[in-house]
Amino acid sequence: MEIEKIIPTFVFESSWEVCNKVGGIYTVLSTRAKTLQEQLNDRLIFIGPDFWRGKDNPLFIEDKSQWSKWVKKAKSEGIGVRVGRWNIPGRPCVVLVDFTPYFVARDHIYGEAWAAYGVDSLHAYGDYDEASMFSYAAGRVVESYYNYYLSKGNERVVYQAHEWMTGLGALYVRSHVPAIATIFTTHATSIGRSIAGNNKPLYDYLYAYNGNQMAQELNMEAKHSIERQTAHNVDCFTTVSDVTARECEELIDRHCDAVLMNGFESDFVPTGRTFANHRSKARQMLLSVANALTGVDYPEDTIIVATSGRYEFKNKGIDVFLEAMHRLDWQEGLKRPVVAFIEVPAWVAGPRRDLQERLSAGKTYDTPLPMPFLTHELNDIANDNVLGSLRWFNKSNRPEERVKVIFVPCYLDGHDGIFNMSYYDVLIGNDLSVYASYYEPWGYTPLESIAFHVPTVTTSLSGFGLWANKVKGDDGRSTLKDGVEVIQRTDYNYSDVADGIVHSLLTYAQWSKEEVEVARHAASELSQKALWQHFIRYYYDAYDIALRKAEIRMEKL
């Protein structure tokens, strides 16, 4: 007989990306919030850093009447907070905390963490201090709120901390409020990402790496230490995919208690005629930008393919994507033009004025602009990896090149000066997407792609790719006709991956309209299996594990 799970009555979650849209964790939290909010009904409280004091944060709706007595009490304890709602579906409660006052006590805070848990902050640099002071402040917020509202009841409280940036707070809660069950989620290990990013083979030699030794070698000691010690000292340690769970076991020396796969919400995807209108508008904009840059008039059957995400040139597979586009241009079987967009934020200086002028004129052009592959001005343009690869391949989007490559080096937030459309409003216009990642713990970008009916190509080194293969079943490999092409990737088969992408594009180019629609429908159907309503159960497994350990701990006190 299955034992009934213990359900939390209160859940706190802290992340650097609460009301702070900088990466994939924002998507995790913001899309999941509605599902949890519906079940917990304002007993879900997010905690994030307050970067916006003195100016409006469009993601935060402040409510000065909410918990006003506690806010006053917290202030008397030296904790500066603003409270309200996160401006996302579900409108969950949120606390933004000012962490800057804690910098004066930084050495004392680090000393306590070393004495209690062996966290080594001696070699910290860069963003470590800022993240740690926020994390500590978040722990103080939880302690204060719990003591004011919850300590006298029989509440079952969970505190979930995301990534190494919140580890210090999780350990603070573990020490100062032992009744609270703690969960730590690493979305990607800091040392694993660093090994991969430094062009060292990660997967074939994973069993042989020592995480502590590699942290020393790669100057990652502080981040690795807080991540490792938090994982070993919370009630429940989790990650987001089987591939990262294996990485944690080898590099952090801790078996994951649960795998919390990342879901999505279909609320973001338009339907019916609205979908068709959005797709048409996006394609028109993408091809207009391509024409204004290159001076080529693109026909209706032009294939629009894109890659996007964080600007990690090797880890995200941007290098192999460019290689594949170079090889594709030489294929005799390619009978349709291809425009390939690389949408990754770089050190952008602003939109190109000459491109803006052409787009505002609303004309069709037959002459290219200078650098007809770049939509925005870049700082340090000579050292950009994408542009360096284009130079290496001698690719300049000449009219005779069947494959054009266009670099969009900015966040598509609706205010970039060229597209002036959000990422999702651009994504919907693609025919295909490619995310040939070498290091990808989960892979939100391919999941977002199929949610918008855009078939995608990814790899077996992404958590999402492994999940797509698992859904396929019978030890099968998901293919493009299933909505997701999963290319086998290892430490050493870069060239094979490039050829696999080329094959996928050639296959798509030869499909009939009916075959394309079948693949688009399959992509959408697969995305429905990754909705949060299906994946949220893994969180309740983690809550149960953490709460049971907290109960045992409190019985011993």
Protein backbone atom coordinates (compact mmCIF):
# COMPACT_ATOMS: atom_id res chain seq x y z
CA MET A 1 0.00 0.00 0.00
CA GLU A 2 1.36 3.40 -1.02
CA ILE A 3 2.11 5.75 1.87
CA GLU A 4 0.23 9.04 1.65
CA LYS A 5 2.51 11.96 0.90
CA ILE A 6 3.00 14.79 3.37
CA ILE A 7 1.78 17.99 1.72
CA PRO A 8 3.28 21.35 2.70
CA THR A 9 1.04 24.11 3.95
CA PHE A 10 3.63 26.80 3.14
CA VAL A 11 6.31 26.92 0.48
CA PHE A 12 9.04 29.56 0.23
CA GLU A 13 11.19 29.65 -2.91
CA SER A 14 14.21 31.84 -3.43
CA SER A 15 16.07 32.51 -6.64
CA TRP A 16 18.24 35.20 -8.17
CA GLU A 17 15.71 35.20 -11.03
CA VAL A 18 12.54 36.03 -9.10
CA CYS A 19 11.22 39.20 -10.76
CA ASN A 20 14.60 39.27 -12.51
CA LYS A 21 14.48 37.87 -16.05
CA VAL A 22 18.01 36.78 -16.86
CA GLY A 23 17.93 33.08 -17.74
CA GLY A 24 16.21 29.72 -17.86
CA ILE A 25 15.40 29.53 -14.15
CA TYR A 26 13.10 32.50 -14.62
CA THR A 27 11.12 30.38 -17.09
CA VAL A 28 11.03 27.45 -14.65
CA LEU A 29 9.65 29.52 -11.81
CA SER A 30 7.36 31.85 -13.76
CA THR A 31 5.64 29.12 -15.77
CA ARG A 32 5.25 26.80 -12.77
CA ALA A 33 3.95 29.49 -10.41
CA LYS A 34 0.34 29.33 -11.59
CA THR A 35 0.06 25.57 -11.03
CA LEU A 36 1.46 25.81 -7.49
CA GLN A 37 -0.50 28.97 -6.72
CA GLU A 38 -3.75 27.21 -7.60
CA GLN A 39 -2.92 24.45 -5.12
CA LEU A 40 -1.37 26.50 -2.30
CA ASN A 41 -3.50 29.66 -2.60
CA ASP A 42 -1.11 32.42 -1.49
CA ARG A 43 0.82 30.06 0.76
CA LEU A 44 3.48 30.09 -1.94
CA ILE A 45 5.95 32.94 -1.43
CA PHE A 46 8.81 33.75 -3.78
CA ILE A 47 11.87 35.67 -2.58
CA GLY A 48 14.06 37.61 -4.99
CA PRO A 49 16.70 40.37 -5.02
CA ASP A 50 15.48 43.96 -5.02
CA PHE A 51 17.43 45.59 -7.84
CA TRP A 52 14.77 48.17 -8.59
CA ARG A 53 14.61 50.37 -5.53
CA GLY A 54 13.61 53.85 -6.60
CA LYS A 55 12.31 52.81 -10.01
CA ASP A 56 9.50 50.69 -11.41
CA ASN A 57 10.02 46.97 -11.98
CA PRO A 58 7.50 45.81 -14.63
CA LEU A 59 7.60 42.31 -13.16
CA PHE A 60 6.72 43.41 -9.62
CA ILE A 61 3.39 44.81 -8.37
CA GLU A 62 4.03 46.32 -4.95
CA ASP A 63 1.30 46.18 -2.30
CA LYS A 64 2.21 48.21 0.78
CA SER A 65 -0.84 46.95 2.66
CA GLN A 66 0.23 43.32 2.36
CA TRP A 67 1.80 41.94 5.57
CA SER A 68 2.37 45.55 6.64
CA LYS A 69 2.93 44.68 10.31
CA TRP A 70 5.50 42.04 9.46
CA VAL A 71 7.26 44.39 7.02
CA LYS A 72 7.60 46.88 9.86
CA LYS A 73 8.88 44.15 12.19
CA ALA A 74 11.38 42.95 9.58
CA LYS A 75 12.66 46.50 9.16
CA SER A 76 13.28 46.69 12.91
CA GLU A 77 15.37 43.52 12.53
CA GLY A 78 17.46 45.16 9.82
CA ILE A 79 15.71 43.40 6.93
CA GLY A 80 14.57 45.74 4.18
CA VAL A 81 11.82 44.23 2.05
CA ARG A 82 9.12 45.19 -0.42
CA VAL A 83 6.18 42.87 -0.84
CA GLY A 84 3.50 42.36 -3.45
CA ARG A 85 2.81 40.16 -6.47
CA TRP A 86 4.94 38.77 -9.25
CA ASN A 87 3.44 40.02 -12.50
CA ILE A 88 3.12 36.60 -14.15
CA PRO A 89 0.24 34.11 -14.59
CA GLY A 90 -1.06 33.19 -11.14
CA ARG A 91 0.20 36.45 -9.59
CA PRO A 92 1.96 34.70 -6.66
CA CYS A 93 3.09 36.54 -3.54
CA VAL A 94 6.64 37.83 -3.67
CA VAL A 95 9.15 39.41 -1.30
CA LEU A 96 12.00 41.46 -2.77
CA VAL A 97 14.83 41.92 -0.31
CA ASP A 98 17.55 44.56 -0.19
CA PHE A 99 20.74 42.57 0.38
CA THR A 100 23.24 45.45 0.16
CA PRO A 101 23.38 46.18 3.94
CA TYR A 102 24.92 42.75 4.57
CA PHE A 103 28.12 43.48 2.67
CA VAL A 104 29.62 45.13 5.78
CA ALA A 105 29.17 41.83 7.65
CA ARG A 106 30.36 39.67 4.76
CA ASP A 107 33.44 38.22 6.47
CA HIS A 108 31.48 37.35 9.59
CA ILE A 109 28.75 35.66 7.50
CA TYR A 110 31.35 33.64 5.58
CA GLY A 111 33.05 32.71 8.84
CA GLU A 112 29.81 31.31 10.25
CA ALA A 113 29.22 29.27 7.10
CA TRP A 114 32.74 27.85 7.32
CA ALA A 115 32.41 26.97 11.00
CA ALA A 116 28.98 25.35 10.64
CA TYR A 117 29.20 23.66 7.24
CA GLY A 118 32.74 23.92 5.90
CA VAL A 119 31.80 26.36 3.13
CA ASP A 120 35.06 27.75 1.74
CA SER A 121 34.60 31.33 0.51
CA LEU A 122 38.31 32.21 0.68
CA HIS A 123 38.81 32.23 -3.09
CA ALA A 124 35.54 33.98 -3.95
CA TYR A 125 35.49 36.50 -6.78
CA GLY A 126 33.13 38.09 -9.29
CA ASP A 127 29.45 37.56 -8.61
CA TYR A 128 29.95 35.32 -5.59
CA ASP A 129 29.67 38.06 -2.96
CA GLU A 130 26.56 39.66 -4.45
CA ALA A 131 24.75 36.32 -4.81
CA SER A 132 25.76 35.19 -1.32
CA MET A 133 24.59 38.36 0.37
CA PHE A 134 21.23 38.00 -1.38
CA SER A 135 21.06 34.37 -0.34
CA TYR A 136 21.80 35.23 3.28
CA ALA A 137 19.19 38.00 3.20
CA ALA A 138 16.60 35.56 1.80
CA GLY A 139 17.30 33.20 4.69
CA ARG A 140 16.76 36.05 7.13
CA VAL A 141 13.45 36.85 5.41
CA VAL A 142 12.22 33.29 5.86
CA GLU A 143 13.29 33.20 9.50
CA SER A 144 11.56 36.50 10.27
CA TYR A 145 8.32 35.62 8.45
CA TYR A 146 8.20 32.18 10.05
CA ASN A 147 8.71 33.54 13.57
CA TYR A 148 6.06 36.24 13.05
CA TYR A 149 3.30 34.20 11.39
CA LEU A 150 3.94 30.46 11.47
CA SER A 151 5.95 29.30 14.49
CA LYS A 152 2.99 28.92 16.82
CA GLY A 153 0.95 26.76 14.46
CA ASN A 154 1.38 23.27 13.09
CA GLU A 155 2.43 24.45 9.66
CA ARG A 156 4.42 22.18 7.38
CA VAL A 157 6.86 24.60 5.79
CA VAL A 158 9.27 24.03 2.90
CA TYR A 159 12.08 26.31 1.78
CA GLN A 160 13.37 25.62 -1.74
CA ALA A 161 16.57 27.28 -2.89
CA HIS A 162 17.63 27.34 -6.56
CA GLU A 163 21.26 27.14 -7.73
CA TRP A 164 24.48 27.87 -5.85
CA MET A 165 23.46 31.54 -5.59
CA THR A 166 20.91 30.63 -2.89
CA GLY A 167 22.91 27.97 -1.04
CA LEU A 168 24.02 30.19 1.82
CA GLY A 169 20.40 31.04 2.64
CA ALA A 170 19.37 27.38 2.63
CA LEU A 171 22.10 26.60 5.14
CA TYR A 172 21.07 29.59 7.26
CA VAL A 173 17.48 28.32 7.40
CA ARG A 174 18.73 24.81 8.20
CA SER A 175 20.60 26.18 11.23
CA HIS A 176 18.25 28.87 12.51
CA VAL A 177 14.80 27.43 11.70
CA PRO A 178 15.22 23.65 11.92
CA ALA A 179 11.46 23.08 11.72
CA ILE A 180 11.50 24.20 8.09
CA ALA A 181 12.22 21.46 5.54
CA THR A 182 14.93 22.52 3.10
CA ILE A 183 15.27 21.65 -0.60
CA PHE A 184 18.21 22.62 -2.78
CA THR A 185 17.88 22.43 -6.57
CA THR A 186 20.88 22.68 -8.83
CA HIS A 187 19.88 23.34 -12.42
CA ALA A 188 23.46 22.83 -13.63
CA THR A 189 26.52 22.16 -11.52
CA SER A 190 28.95 25.04 -11.51
CA ILE A 191 31.95 22.75 -11.96
CA GLY A 192 30.33 20.66 -14.71
CA ARG A 193 29.49 23.76 -16.70
CA SER A 194 33.04 25.03 -16.18
CA ILE A 195 34.64 21.75 -17.31
CA ALA A 196 32.54 21.77 -20.47
CA GLY A 197 33.10 25.47 -21.11
CA ASN A 198 36.87 25.05 -20.82
CA ASN A 199 36.90 22.53 -23.69
CA LYS A 200 37.61 19.56 -21.45
CA PRO A 201 35.78 16.29 -22.25
CA LEU A 202 33.07 15.99 -19.60
CA TYR A 203 31.12 12.83 -20.30
CA ASP A 204 33.59 10.08 -21.20
CA TYR A 205 35.76 10.98 -18.21
CA LEU A 206 33.04 12.00 -15.77
CA TYR A 207 33.69 8.95 -13.56
CA ALA A 208 37.36 9.96 -13.25
CA TYR A 209 36.93 13.62 -12.33
CA ASN A 210 37.20 14.75 -8.73
CA GLY A 211 34.96 17.77 -8.24
CA ASN A 212 37.11 19.40 -5.57
CA GLN A 213 40.30 18.94 -7.59
CA MET A 214 38.70 20.33 -10.76
CA ALA A 215 37.34 23.31 -8.81
CA GLN A 216 40.91 24.14 -7.79
CA GLU A 217 42.21 23.73 -11.33
CA LEU A 218 39.49 25.90 -12.87
CA ASN A 219 39.41 28.54 -10.10
CA MET A 220 35.85 27.59 -9.13
CA GLU A 221 36.49 26.68 -5.49
CA ALA A 222 34.05 29.06 -3.81
CA LYS A 223 31.05 28.32 -6.05
CA HIS A 224 31.73 24.60 -6.00
CA SER A 225 32.08 24.63 -2.22
CA ILE A 226 28.76 26.34 -1.48
CA GLU A 227 27.01 24.13 -4.01
CA ARG A 228 28.53 20.93 -2.66
CA GLN A 229 28.04 21.72 1.02
CA THR A 230 24.45 22.86 0.49
CA ALA A 231 23.66 19.65 -1.41
CA HIS A 232 25.06 17.57 1.46
CA ASN A 233 23.27 19.44 4.25
CA VAL A 234 19.70 20.07 3.08
CA ASP A 235 16.82 17.69 3.64
CA CYS A 236 16.28 17.05 -0.07
CA PHE A 237 18.72 17.56 -2.94
CA THR A 238 17.26 17.76 -6.44
CA THR A 239 18.19 18.51 -10.02
CA VAL A 240 16.32 18.82 -13.32
CA SER A 241 17.31 15.81 -15.44
CA ASP A 242 18.87 12.36 -15.36
CA VAL A 243 21.97 13.62 -17.18
CA THR A 244 22.60 16.24 -14.47
CA ALA A 245 21.78 13.76 -11.69
CA ARG A 246 24.68 11.62 -12.90
CA GLU A 247 26.89 14.71 -13.00
CA CYS A 248 25.94 15.58 -9.40
CA GLU A 249 26.75 12.09 -8.20
CA GLU A 250 30.24 12.22 -9.70
CA LEU A 251 31.21 15.87 -9.13
CA ILE A 252 29.33 16.77 -5.94
CA ASP A 253 29.42 13.28 -4.42
CA ARG A 254 25.72 13.40 -3.62
CA HIS A 255 22.94 11.27 -5.04
CA CYS A 256 19.89 13.31 -5.99
CA ASP A 257 16.78 12.58 -3.95
CA ALA A 258 14.47 13.60 -6.80
CA VAL A 259 14.61 14.79 -10.40
CA LEU A 260 12.37 17.80 -10.98
CA MET A 261 11.90 18.01 -14.74
CA ASN A 262 11.07 21.43 -16.14
CA GLY A 263 7.56 21.87 -17.50
CA PHE A 264 5.79 24.58 -19.41
CA GLU A 265 2.39 26.30 -19.57
CA SER A 266 0.34 26.43 -22.74
CA ASP A 267 -1.06 29.84 -21.71
CA PHE A 268 1.86 31.44 -23.57
CA VAL A 269 0.85 29.92 -26.91
CA PRO A 270 -1.86 31.60 -29.03
CA THR A 271 -4.50 29.42 -30.68
CA GLY A 272 -6.63 29.34 -33.82
CA ARG A 273 -6.65 32.38 -36.05
CA THR A 274 -4.57 34.34 -33.53
CA PHE A 275 -1.79 31.76 -33.86
CA ALA A 276 -1.86 32.00 -37.66
CA ASN A 277 -1.78 35.81 -37.52
CA HIS A 278 1.15 35.84 -35.08
CA ARG A 279 3.08 33.34 -37.18
CA SER A 280 2.49 35.33 -40.37
CA LYS A 281 3.56 38.57 -38.71
CA ALA A 282 6.72 36.97 -37.30
CA ARG A 283 7.75 35.45 -40.63
CA GLN A 284 7.18 38.76 -42.36
CA MET A 285 9.37 40.56 -39.82
CA LEU A 286 12.15 37.96 -39.97
CA LEU A 287 12.28 38.02 -43.77
CA SER A 288 12.05 41.83 -43.82
CA VAL A 289 15.10 42.08 -41.57
CA ALA A 290 16.90 39.54 -43.74
CA ASN A 291 16.08 41.51 -46.90
CA ALA A 292 17.08 44.85 -45.40
CA LEU A 293 20.44 43.40 -44.34
CA THR A 294 21.33 41.28 -47.36
CA GLY A 295 19.48 42.93 -50.25
CA VAL A 296 17.99 39.55 -51.23
CA ASP A 297 14.25 39.15 -51.85
CA TYR A 298 13.22 35.93 -50.11
CA PRO A 299 10.39 33.80 -51.53
CA GLU A 300 7.53 32.42 -49.45
CA ASP A 301 9.07 28.94 -49.27
CA THR A 302 12.23 30.22 -47.54
CA ILE A 303 13.11 28.01 -44.58
CA ILE A 304 13.61 30.01 -41.38
CA VAL A 305 15.73 28.19 -38.81
CA ALA A 306 17.02 29.57 -35.52
CA THR A 307 19.05 28.82 -32.46
CA SER A 308 18.89 30.86 -29.25
CA GLY A 309 19.67 30.94 -25.54
CA ARG A 310 22.63 31.86 -23.39
CA TYR A 311 25.80 32.91 -25.25
CA GLU A 312 27.88 29.85 -24.37
CA PHE A 313 29.53 29.21 -27.70
CA LYS A 314 30.41 25.54 -27.22
CA ASN A 315 28.07 24.48 -24.42
CA LYS A 316 24.94 25.63 -26.27
CA GLY A 317 26.13 24.22 -29.58
CA ILE A 318 26.40 27.57 -31.37
CA ASP A 319 29.74 26.45 -32.82
CA VAL A 320 28.33 23.28 -34.39
CA PHE A 321 25.22 25.13 -35.60
CA LEU A 322 27.45 27.52 -37.59
CA GLU A 323 29.45 24.59 -38.91
CA ALA A 324 26.24 22.91 -40.06
CA MET A 325 25.00 26.04 -41.82
CA HIS A 326 28.34 26.29 -43.64
CA ARG A 327 28.11 22.66 -44.77
CA LEU A 328 24.45 23.01 -45.73
CA ASP A 329 25.32 25.76 -48.19
CA TRP A 330 27.34 23.24 -50.23
CA GLN A 331 24.60 20.63 -50.48
CA GLU A 332 23.35 20.06 -54.04
CA GLY A 333 20.10 18.68 -52.65
CA LEU A 334 19.13 22.01 -51.08
CA LYS A 335 16.61 23.57 -53.45
CA ARG A 336 15.10 26.18 -51.10
CA PRO A 337 16.76 29.25 -49.56
CA VAL A 338 17.51 29.11 -45.83
CA VAL A 339 17.84 32.01 -43.39
CA ALA A 340 19.46 30.97 -40.11
CA PHE A 341 19.07 33.28 -37.10
CA ILE A 342 21.38 33.15 -34.07
CA GLU A 343 19.50 34.86 -31.24
CA VAL A 344 21.86 35.07 -28.28
CA PRO A 345 22.52 38.20 -26.22
CA ALA A 346 26.11 39.47 -26.57
CA TRP A 347 27.83 42.71 -25.56
CA VAL A 348 25.42 44.78 -27.59
CA ALA A 349 25.91 48.52 -28.11
CA GLY A 350 22.50 49.24 -29.65
CA PRO A 351 20.45 48.73 -32.82
CA ARG A 352 22.00 49.52 -36.19
CA ARG A 353 20.69 52.85 -37.42
CA ASP A 354 21.13 51.99 -41.09
CA LEU A 355 19.03 48.86 -40.58
CA GLN A 356 16.41 50.82 -38.65
CA GLU A 357 16.16 53.32 -41.49
CA ARG A 358 15.66 50.60 -44.07
CA LEU A 359 13.00 48.83 -42.00
CA SER A 360 11.08 52.04 -41.29
CA ALA A 361 10.97 52.83 -45.03
CA GLY A 362 9.07 49.60 -45.65
CA LYS A 363 10.76 48.90 -48.99
CA THR A 364 12.28 45.82 -50.61
CA TYR A 365 16.03 46.20 -51.19
CA ASP A 366 18.39 44.71 -53.77
CA THR A 367 21.70 45.90 -52.28
CA PRO A 368 23.24 44.73 -48.98
CA LEU A 369 24.27 46.80 -46.00
CA PRO A 370 27.82 46.61 -44.68
CA MET A 371 28.13 43.54 -42.41
CA PRO A 372 24.92 42.03 -43.80
CA PHE A 373 24.79 39.42 -41.04
CA LEU A 374 24.48 41.59 -37.91
CA THR A 375 21.34 43.32 -36.63
CA HIS A 376 22.86 45.34 -33.77
CA GLU A 377 26.12 47.14 -33.07
CA LEU A 378 28.53 45.24 -30.83
CA ASN A 379 31.16 46.32 -28.38
CA ASP A 380 34.51 44.54 -28.92
CA ILE A 381 33.30 43.30 -32.29
CA ALA A 382 36.71 41.90 -33.22
CA ASN A 383 36.58 39.26 -30.47
CA ASP A 384 33.01 38.02 -30.89
CA ASN A 385 32.86 34.24 -31.38
CA VAL A 386 29.94 34.16 -33.83
CA LEU A 387 31.46 36.83 -36.07
CA GLY A 388 34.84 35.14 -35.81
CA SER A 389 33.32 31.89 -37.10
CA LEU A 390 31.59 33.69 -39.97
CA ARG A 391 34.95 35.14 -40.97
CA TRP A 392 36.55 31.69 -40.70
CA PHE A 393 33.90 30.24 -43.02
CA ASN A 394 34.22 33.26 -45.34
CA LYS A 395 30.48 33.72 -44.96
CA SER A 396 29.16 37.16 -45.85
CA ASN A 397 25.60 36.43 -47.05
CA ARG A 398 26.39 36.94 -50.72
CA PRO A 399 23.37 36.57 -53.05
CA GLU A 400 24.72 33.28 -54.42
CA GLU A 401 24.87 31.73 -50.93
CA ARG A 402 21.74 29.66 -50.43
CA VAL A 403 22.11 29.74 -46.63
CA LYS A 404 22.19 33.17 -45.01
CA VAL A 405 23.22 33.54 -41.36
CA ILE A 406 22.00 36.50 -39.30
CA PHE A 407 23.27 37.26 -35.80
CA VAL A 408 20.77 38.89 -33.41
CA PRO A 409 22.98 39.69 -30.38
CA CYS A 410 20.34 41.02 -27.98
CA TYR A 411 17.47 40.07 -25.71
CA LEU A 412 14.22 39.94 -27.67
CA ASP A 413 12.20 41.77 -25.03
CA GLY A 414 10.02 43.86 -27.35
CA HIS A 415 12.30 46.89 -27.13
CA ASP A 416 15.45 45.90 -29.01
CA GLY A 417 15.09 48.60 -31.69
CA ILE A 418 14.98 46.24 -34.68
CA PHE A 419 12.36 43.54 -34.16
CA ASN A 420 10.58 45.19 -31.23
CA MET A 421 8.88 41.86 -30.58
CA SER A 422 9.16 39.48 -27.65
CA TYR A 423 11.10 36.24 -28.00
CA TYR A 424 7.93 34.13 -28.20
CA ASP A 425 6.45 36.45 -30.83
CA VAL A 426 9.56 35.87 -32.94
CA LEU A 427 9.89 32.15 -32.18
CA ILE A 428 6.47 31.38 -33.64
CA GLY A 429 7.70 32.45 -37.10
CA ASN A 430 10.40 29.79 -37.34
CA ASP A 431 10.08 26.67 -39.46
CA LEU A 432 12.71 24.78 -37.49
CA SER A 433 14.93 25.35 -34.48
CA VAL A 434 18.28 23.80 -33.63
CA TYR A 435 19.75 23.45 -30.12
CA ALA A 436 22.79 21.23 -30.61
CA SER A 437 23.93 21.57 -27.01
CA TYR A 438 27.04 19.93 -25.60
CA TYR A 439 26.12 20.92 -22.03
CA GLU A 440 22.39 21.28 -21.37
CA PRO A 441 21.01 20.03 -18.04
CA TRP A 442 17.43 20.37 -19.28
CA GLY A 443 16.80 22.50 -22.36
CA TYR A 444 13.94 24.99 -22.17
CA THR A 445 14.56 26.43 -25.62
CA PRO A 446 13.63 23.23 -27.52
CA LEU A 447 10.61 22.73 -25.25
CA GLU A 448 9.46 26.29 -25.92
CA SER A 449 9.97 25.67 -29.62
CA ILE A 450 7.72 22.63 -29.85
CA ALA A 451 5.11 24.37 -27.69
CA PHE A 452 4.87 26.91 -30.51
CA HIS A 453 4.52 24.07 -33.07
CA VAL A 454 8.09 24.49 -34.33
CA PRO A 455 9.90 21.14 -34.77
CA THR A 456 13.32 21.16 -33.16
CA VAL A 457 16.70 19.47 -33.39
CA THR A 458 18.52 18.82 -30.11
CA THR A 459 21.02 16.30 -28.73
CA SER A 460 21.23 13.31 -26.45
CA LEU A 461 23.34 15.38 -24.03
CA SER A 462 20.33 17.53 -23.09
CA GLY A 463 17.86 16.50 -20.42
CA PHE A 464 15.02 17.42 -22.75
CA GLY A 465 16.46 15.25 -25.53
CA LEU A 466 16.67 12.25 -23.20
CA TRP A 467 13.06 12.87 -22.12
CA ALA A 468 11.88 13.04 -25.75
CA ASN A 469 13.57 9.71 -26.44
CA LYS A 470 11.97 8.23 -23.32
CA VAL A 471 8.53 9.36 -24.47
CA LYS A 472 9.24 7.69 -27.80
CA GLY A 473 9.67 4.43 -25.89
CA ASP A 474 10.91 1.01 -26.99
CA ASP A 475 14.48 2.33 -26.78
CA GLY A 476 13.69 4.43 -29.83
CA ARG A 477 15.14 7.75 -30.90
CA SER A 478 12.82 10.69 -31.42
CA THR A 479 13.01 11.99 -35.00
CA LEU A 480 11.93 15.13 -36.82
CA LYS A 481 8.59 13.60 -37.82
CA ASP A 482 7.94 13.16 -34.06
CA GLY A 483 8.52 16.89 -33.57
CA VAL A 484 11.98 16.50 -32.00
CA GLU A 485 15.08 15.17 -33.73
CA VAL A 486 17.50 13.90 -31.07
CA ILE A 487 21.02 13.64 -32.48
CA GLN A 488 23.44 11.39 -30.62
CA ARG A 489 26.24 13.57 -29.22
CA THR A 490 29.42 12.61 -27.37
CA ASP A 491 32.64 14.33 -26.37
CA TYR A 492 34.20 13.67 -29.74
CA ASN A 493 31.59 13.51 -32.55
CA TYR A 494 31.31 17.23 -33.38
CA SER A 495 31.50 16.56 -37.12
CA ASP A 496 28.80 13.89 -36.97
CA VAL A 497 26.50 16.30 -35.12
CA ALA A 498 27.02 18.95 -37.82
CA ASP A 499 26.19 16.36 -40.50
CA GLY A 500 23.10 15.33 -38.51
CA ILE A 501 21.82 18.92 -38.48
CA VAL A 502 22.46 19.19 -42.22
CA HIS A 503 20.51 15.97 -42.78
CA SER A 504 17.58 17.28 -40.70
CA LEU A 505 17.43 20.52 -42.72
CA LEU A 506 17.61 18.66 -46.03
CA THR A 507 14.87 16.28 -44.88
CA TYR A 508 12.64 19.19 -43.91
CA ALA A 509 13.33 21.02 -47.18
CA GLN A 510 12.03 18.05 -49.16
CA TRP A 511 8.82 17.58 -47.20
CA SER A 512 5.41 18.36 -48.62
CA LYS A 513 3.13 20.83 -46.84
CA GLU A 514 1.22 17.88 -45.44
CA GLU A 515 4.37 16.32 -43.99
CA VAL A 516 5.37 19.63 -42.46
CA GLU A 517 1.96 19.94 -40.77
CA VAL A 518 2.23 16.40 -39.40
CA ALA A 519 5.59 17.25 -37.78
CA ARG A 520 4.29 20.58 -36.45
CA HIS A 521 1.28 18.83 -34.93
CA ALA A 522 3.51 16.12 -33.41
CA ALA A 523 5.71 18.85 -31.87
CA SER A 524 2.71 20.51 -30.26
CA GLU A 525 1.34 17.18 -29.02
CA LEU A 526 4.68 16.29 -27.42
CA SER A 527 4.81 19.65 -25.64
CA GLN A 528 1.46 18.89 -24.04
CA LYS A 529 3.08 15.97 -22.24
CA ALA A 530 5.53 18.40 -20.61
CA LEU A 531 2.92 20.72 -19.09
CA TRP A 532 3.34 21.54 -15.42
CA GLN A 533 0.13 19.70 -14.61
CA HIS A 534 2.08 16.51 -15.41
CA PHE A 535 5.46 17.42 -13.94
CA ILE A 536 4.32 19.10 -10.71
CA ARG A 537 4.00 15.72 -9.01
CA TYR A 538 7.79 15.46 -8.86
CA TYR A 539 7.82 18.57 -6.67
CA TYR A 540 5.38 16.97 -4.27
CA ASP A 541 7.70 13.96 -4.09
CA ALA A 542 10.51 16.31 -3.08
CA TYR A 543 8.31 18.11 -0.55
CA ASP A 544 7.42 14.77 1.03
CA ILE A 545 11.08 13.69 1.28
CA ALA A 546 12.11 16.99 2.87
CA LEU A 547 9.19 17.20 5.29
CA ARG A 548 9.72 13.64 6.55
CA LYS A 549 13.38 14.38 7.29
CA ALA A 550 12.42 17.61 9.05
CA GLU A 551 9.91 15.70 11.20
CA ILE A 552 12.57 13.22 12.27
CA ARG A 553 14.95 16.05 13.08
CA MET A 554 12.40 17.88 15.23
CA GLU A 555 11.55 14.69 17.13
CA LYS A 556 15.19 14.46 18.19
CA LEU A 557 15.38 18.07 19.43
